Amino acid sequence: MTQATIYHNPRCSKSRETLALLEQQGCDINVVEYLKNPPTAKEISDILTKLGLSAREIMRTKETEYQTLGLADTSLTETQLIEAMVNTPKLLERPIVLANQRAAIGRPPENVLEIL
């Protein structure tokens, strides 16, 4: 049985669809409601490594907080962007699934099948 962790927002339809897909696949799922229990800077950094993406690439740029916090500033470092996601987890793209030492963003939900 595949162990999977999903960074989940129950109010998000894509997140709910991805969780249902993991259940259909028979995964042993650790659900992290990241708005209640935000990932640490190290956890986000590890996720980025597994995704092969930069911090900016997993940020929700349409969120009001992205503009309010001035995160479009291209001079901001990876560390600063990661810290912004730790402090404002709403900025983190969702859902993110970790399985088999890999990660995938569930947009669309089927993306996670390639790491199971």
C-alpha atoms as a PDB file:
ATOM      1  CA  MET A   1       0.000   0.000   0.000  1.00  0.00           C
ATOM      2  CA  THR A   2       1.358   3.403  -0.989  1.00  0.00           C
ATOM      3  CA  GLN A   3       1.878   5.906   1.813  1.00  0.00           C
ATOM      4  CA  ALA A   4       0.861   9.423   0.756  1.00  0.00           C
ATOM      5  CA  THR A   5       0.715  12.799   2.449  1.00  0.00           C
ATOM      6  CA  ILE A   6      -1.637  15.427   1.080  1.00  0.00           C
ATOM      7  CA  TYR A   7      -1.429  19.098   1.966  1.00  0.00           C
ATOM      8  CA  HIS A   8      -5.158  19.606   1.881  1.00  0.00           C
ATOM      9  CA  ASN A   9      -7.713  22.396   2.059  1.00  0.00           C
ATOM     10  CA  PRO A  10     -11.166  20.835   2.525  1.00  0.00           C
ATOM     11  CA  ARG A  11     -12.803  23.953   1.052  1.00  0.00           C
ATOM     12  CA  CYS A  12     -10.980  23.496  -2.282  1.00  0.00           C
ATOM     13  CA  SER A  13     -12.688  21.311  -4.885  1.00  0.00           C
ATOM     14  CA  LYS A  14      -9.377  20.227  -6.499  1.00  0.00           C
ATOM     15  CA  SER A  15      -8.048  19.264  -3.097  1.00  0.00           C
ATOM     16  CA  ARG A  16     -11.168  17.223  -2.328  1.00  0.00           C
ATOM     17  CA  GLU A  17     -10.992  15.546  -5.755  1.00  0.00           C
ATOM     18  CA  THR A  18      -7.324  14.689  -5.234  1.00  0.00           C
ATOM     19  CA  LEU A  19      -8.018  13.224  -1.782  1.00  0.00           C
ATOM     20  CA  ALA A  20     -10.839  11.108  -3.266  1.00  0.00           C
ATOM     21  CA  LEU A  21      -8.486   9.905  -6.011  1.00  0.00           C
ATOM     22  CA  LEU A  22      -5.897   8.846  -3.421  1.00  0.00           C
ATOM     23  CA  GLU A  23      -8.626   6.977  -1.518  1.00  0.00           C
ATOM     24  CA  GLN A  24      -9.724   5.234  -4.743  1.00  0.00           C
ATOM     25  CA  GLN A  25      -6.109   4.162  -5.304  1.00  0.00           C
ATOM     26  CA  GLY A  26      -6.080   2.530  -1.855  1.00  0.00           C
ATOM     27  CA  CYS A  27      -3.359   4.766  -0.450  1.00  0.00           C
ATOM     28  CA  ASP A  28      -2.587   5.045   3.240  1.00  0.00           C
ATOM     29  CA  ILE A  29      -3.157   8.809   3.503  1.00  0.00           C
ATOM     30  CA  ASN A  30      -1.810  11.329   5.971  1.00  0.00           C
ATOM     31  CA  VAL A  31      -4.023  14.417   5.571  1.00  0.00           C
ATOM     32  CA  VAL A  32      -2.378  17.704   6.564  1.00  0.00           C
ATOM     33  CA  GLU A  33      -4.793  20.618   6.688  1.00  0.00           C
ATOM     34  CA  TYR A  34      -2.037  23.089   5.944  1.00  0.00           C
ATOM     35  CA  LEU A  35      -4.117  26.167   6.794  1.00  0.00           C
ATOM     36  CA  LYS A  36      -4.437  24.849  10.373  1.00  0.00           C
ATOM     37  CA  ASN A  37      -0.988  23.209  10.528  1.00  0.00           C
ATOM     38  CA  PRO A  38       1.310  25.093   8.140  1.00  0.00           C
ATOM     39  CA  PRO A  39       4.417  23.324   6.891  1.00  0.00           C
ATOM     40  CA  THR A  40       7.769  24.540   8.187  1.00  0.00           C
ATOM     41  CA  ALA A  41      10.312  26.285   5.995  1.00  0.00           C
ATOM     42  CA  LYS A  42      12.286  23.014   5.832  1.00  0.00           C
ATOM     43  CA  GLU A  43       9.180  21.056   4.789  1.00  0.00           C
ATOM     44  CA  ILE A  44       8.418  23.580   2.032  1.00  0.00           C
ATOM     45  CA  SER A  45      12.036  23.486   0.904  1.00  0.00           C
ATOM     46  CA  ASP A  46      11.919  19.661   0.765  1.00  0.00           C
ATOM     47  CA  ILE A  47       8.646  19.804  -1.205  1.00  0.00           C
ATOM     48  CA  LEU A  48      10.225  22.230  -3.685  1.00  0.00           C
ATOM     49  CA  THR A  49      13.183  19.900  -4.169  1.00  0.00           C
ATOM     50  CA  LYS A  50      10.858  16.952  -4.836  1.00  0.00           C
ATOM     51  CA  LEU A  51       8.746  19.035  -7.229  1.00  0.00           C
ATOM     52  CA  GLY A  52      11.790  20.502  -8.983  1.00  0.00           C
ATOM     53  CA  LEU A  53      10.187  23.946  -8.727  1.00  0.00           C
ATOM     54  CA  SER A  54      11.025  27.313  -7.220  1.00  0.00           C
ATOM     55  CA  ALA A  55       9.058  28.873  -4.356  1.00  0.00           C
ATOM     56  CA  ARG A  56       7.434  31.390  -6.686  1.00  0.00           C
ATOM     57  CA  GLU A  57       6.167  28.538  -8.892  1.00  0.00           C
ATOM     58  CA  ILE A  58       4.049  27.085  -6.070  1.00  0.00           C
ATOM     59  CA  MET A  59       2.655  30.386  -4.829  1.00  0.00           C
ATOM     60  CA  ARG A  60      -0.944  31.399  -5.364  1.00  0.00           C
ATOM     61  CA  THR A  61      -0.232  34.725  -7.050  1.00  0.00           C
ATOM     62  CA  LYS A  62      -3.903  35.682  -7.330  1.00  0.00           C
ATOM     63  CA  GLU A  63      -4.380  35.754  -3.546  1.00  0.00           C
ATOM     64  CA  THR A  64      -4.796  39.250  -2.088  1.00  0.00           C
ATOM     65  CA  GLU A  65      -1.961  38.536   0.353  1.00  0.00           C
ATOM     66  CA  TYR A  66       0.460  38.016  -2.533  1.00  0.00           C
ATOM     67  CA  GLN A  67      -0.065  41.624  -3.599  1.00  0.00           C
ATOM     68  CA  THR A  68      -0.419  43.030  -0.080  1.00  0.00           C
ATOM     69  CA  LEU A  69       2.885  41.491   1.026  1.00  0.00           C
ATOM     70  CA  GLY A  70       4.683  42.706  -2.118  1.00  0.00           C
ATOM     71  CA  LEU A  71       5.634  39.196  -3.151  1.00  0.00           C
ATOM     72  CA  ALA A  72       5.706  40.045  -6.863  1.00  0.00           C
ATOM     73  CA  ASP A  73       9.019  41.801  -6.125  1.00  0.00           C
ATOM     74  CA  THR A  74      11.545  39.801  -8.161  1.00  0.00           C
ATOM     75  CA  SER A  75      14.390  40.750  -5.815  1.00  0.00           C
ATOM     76  CA  LEU A  76      12.923  38.550  -3.052  1.00  0.00           C
ATOM     77  CA  THR A  77      14.988  35.437  -2.316  1.00  0.00           C
ATOM     78  CA  GLU A  78      13.763  31.839  -2.161  1.00  0.00           C
ATOM     79  CA  THR A  79      14.157  31.996   1.609  1.00  0.00           C
ATOM     80  CA  GLN A  80      11.954  35.104   1.813  1.00  0.00           C
ATOM     81  CA  LEU A  81       9.277  33.546  -0.396  1.00  0.00           C
ATOM     82  CA  ILE A  82       9.304  30.307   1.606  1.00  0.00           C
ATOM     83  CA  GLU A  83       9.026  32.295   4.833  1.00  0.00           C
ATOM     84  CA  ALA A  84       6.008  34.141   3.381  1.00  0.00           C
ATOM     85  CA  MET A  85       4.317  30.768   2.723  1.00  0.00           C
ATOM     86  CA  VAL A  86       5.104  29.597   6.267  1.00  0.00           C
ATOM     87  CA  ASN A  87       3.580  32.771   7.714  1.00  0.00           C
ATOM     88  CA  THR A  88       0.678  32.904   5.224  1.00  0.00           C
ATOM     89  CA  PRO A  89      -0.045  29.275   4.230  1.00  0.00           C
ATOM     90  CA  LYS A  90      -2.953  30.414   2.043  1.00  0.00           C
ATOM     91  CA  LEU A  91      -0.258  31.357  -0.499  1.00  0.00           C
ATOM     92  CA  LEU A  92       0.773  27.710  -0.955  1.00  0.00           C
ATOM     93  CA  GLU A  93      -0.628  26.027  -4.056  1.00  0.00           C
ATOM     94  CA  ARG A  94      -2.915  23.135  -3.266  1.00  0.00           C
ATOM     95  CA  PRO A  95      -3.155  20.274  -3.090  1.00  0.00           C
ATOM     96  CA  ILE A  96       0.379  18.937  -2.863  1.00  0.00           C
ATOM     97  CA  VAL A  97       0.854  15.190  -2.525  1.00  0.00           C
ATOM     98  CA  LEU A  98       4.009  13.437  -1.350  1.00  0.00           C
ATOM     99  CA  ALA A  99       4.517   9.736  -2.073  1.00  0.00           C
ATOM    100  CA  ASN A 100       7.452   7.458  -2.906  1.00  0.00           C
ATOM    101  CA  GLN A 101      10.025  10.204  -2.220  1.00  0.00           C
ATOM    102  CA  ARG A 102       8.359  12.376  -4.874  1.00  0.00           C
ATOM    103  CA  ALA A 103       5.813  15.191  -4.962  1.00  0.00           C
ATOM    104  CA  ALA A 104       3.057  16.382  -7.290  1.00  0.00           C
ATOM    105  CA  ILE A 105       0.573  19.224  -7.372  1.00  0.00           C
ATOM    106  CA  GLY A 106      -2.986  17.939  -7.828  1.00  0.00           C
ATOM    107  CA  ARG A 107      -3.968  20.391 -10.548  1.00  0.00           C
ATOM    108  CA  PRO A 108      -5.469  18.488 -12.225  1.00  0.00           C
ATOM    109  CA  PRO A 109      -5.933  15.748  -9.596  1.00  0.00           C
ATOM    110  CA  GLU A 110      -4.693  13.082 -12.044  1.00  0.00           C
ATOM    111  CA  ASN A 111      -1.178  14.596 -11.809  1.00  0.00           C
ATOM    112  CA  VAL A 112      -0.669  12.697  -8.543  1.00  0.00           C
ATOM    113  CA  LEU A 113      -1.093   9.293 -10.213  1.00  0.00           C
ATOM    114  CA  GLU A 114       2.425   9.495 -11.693  1.00  0.00           C
ATOM    115  CA  ILE A 115       4.043   9.478  -8.219  1.00  0.00           C
ATOM    116  CA  LEU A 116       1.993   6.626  -6.716  1.00  0.00           C
END
